[in-house]
């Protein structure tokens, strides 16, 4: 197995397992924040503050993941490793 095949299998494994898991965690954090902010304890200011934090970190996580994913694919395409 040469380096290009090894790198391609590593990227494929990350795309199948790791990236979707991280997106799911970020999305669930966002949804949990919405639930805490609007539905679970809407009259508790502390719970609403925690909900805002979950929403913020969920959105930031998804934006960061999309950005890094895009940069990685640009880099892989530039180096000739991108899958067809």
Protein backbone atom coordinates (compact mmCIF):
# COMPACT_ATOMS: atom_id res chain seq x y z
CA UNK A 1 0.00 0.00 0.00
CA UNK A 2 1.52 3.31 -1.07
CA UNK A 3 1.11 6.66 0.66
CA UNK A 4 -1.66 7.89 -1.63
CA UNK A 5 -3.81 4.81 -0.94
CA UNK A 6 -3.15 5.06 2.79
CA UNK A 7 -4.06 8.77 2.86
CA UNK A 8 -7.21 8.11 0.83
CA UNK A 9 -8.33 5.34 3.19
CA UNK A 10 -7.67 7.62 6.17
CA UNK A 11 -9.76 10.43 4.65
CA UNK A 12 -12.53 8.00 3.70
CA UNK A 13 -12.62 6.60 7.23
CA UNK A 14 -12.83 10.09 8.70
CA UNK A 15 -15.64 11.01 6.30
CA UNK A 16 -17.64 7.91 7.14
CA UNK A 17 -17.24 7.83 10.94
CA UNK A 18 -15.62 10.85 12.57
CA UNK A 19 -17.07 13.81 10.66
CA UNK A 20 -20.72 12.68 10.85
CA UNK A 21 -20.30 11.97 14.57
CA UNK A 22 -18.92 15.46 15.21
CA UNK A 23 -21.72 17.04 13.16
CA UNK A 24 -24.28 15.03 15.15
CA UNK A 25 -22.79 16.20 18.45
CA UNK A 26 -22.82 19.84 17.33
CA UNK A 27 -26.38 19.56 16.04
CA UNK A 28 -27.62 17.84 19.19
CA UNK A 29 -25.98 20.56 21.28
CA UNK A 30 -27.85 23.16 19.22
CA UNK A 31 -31.18 21.33 19.59
CA UNK A 32 -30.62 20.83 23.35
CA UNK A 33 -30.01 24.58 23.66
CA UNK A 34 -33.25 25.35 21.87
CA UNK A 35 -35.13 22.98 24.14
CA UNK A 36 -33.59 24.51 27.27
CA UNK A 37 -34.14 28.07 26.09
CA UNK A 38 -37.72 27.83 24.88
CA UNK A 39 -39.42 24.77 26.31
CA UNK A 40 -37.96 23.14 29.42
CA UNK A 41 -37.77 26.07 31.85
CA UNK A 42 -38.75 29.24 29.99
CA UNK A 43 -39.22 31.27 33.19
CA UNK A 44 -35.80 30.41 34.71
CA UNK A 45 -33.22 32.96 33.62
CA UNK A 46 -30.30 30.62 34.48
CA UNK A 47 -31.72 27.82 32.29
CA UNK A 48 -32.27 30.28 29.43
CA UNK A 49 -28.67 31.46 29.76
CA UNK A 50 -27.44 27.88 29.59
CA UNK A 51 -29.68 27.29 26.58
CA UNK A 52 -28.15 30.28 24.81
CA UNK A 53 -24.69 28.86 25.46
CA UNK A 54 -25.64 25.48 24.00
CA UNK A 55 -27.15 27.17 20.94
CA UNK A 56 -24.05 29.32 20.46
CA UNK A 57 -21.58 26.45 20.83
CA UNK A 58 -23.66 24.19 18.59
CA UNK A 59 -23.69 26.79 15.82
CA UNK A 60 -19.99 27.56 16.25
CA UNK A 61 -19.17 23.86 16.16
CA UNK A 62 -21.09 23.31 12.93
CA UNK A 63 -19.55 26.39 11.28
CA UNK A 64 -16.06 25.31 12.33
CA UNK A 65 -16.63 21.78 11.05
CA UNK A 66 -17.93 23.02 7.68
CA UNK A 67 -14.97 25.40 7.37
CA UNK A 68 -12.31 22.83 8.22
CA UNK A 69 -13.99 20.23 6.03
CA UNK A 70 -13.91 22.66 3.10
CA UNK A 71 -10.26 23.56 3.65
CA UNK A 72 -9.30 19.90 3.88
CA UNK A 73 -11.06 19.10 0.61
CA UNK A 74 -9.42 22.07 -1.13
CA UNK A 75 -6.05 20.88 0.15
CA UNK A 76 -6.69 17.30 -0.92
CA UNK A 77 -7.84 18.41 -4.36
CA UNK A 78 -4.78 20.61 -4.74
CA UNK A 79 -2.45 17.74 -3.82
CA UNK A 80 -4.29 15.29 -6.06
CA UNK A 81 -5.77 13.11 -3.31
CA UNK A 82 -9.45 14.00 -3.79
CA UNK A 83 -11.81 11.15 -4.59
CA UNK A 84 -13.61 11.21 -7.90
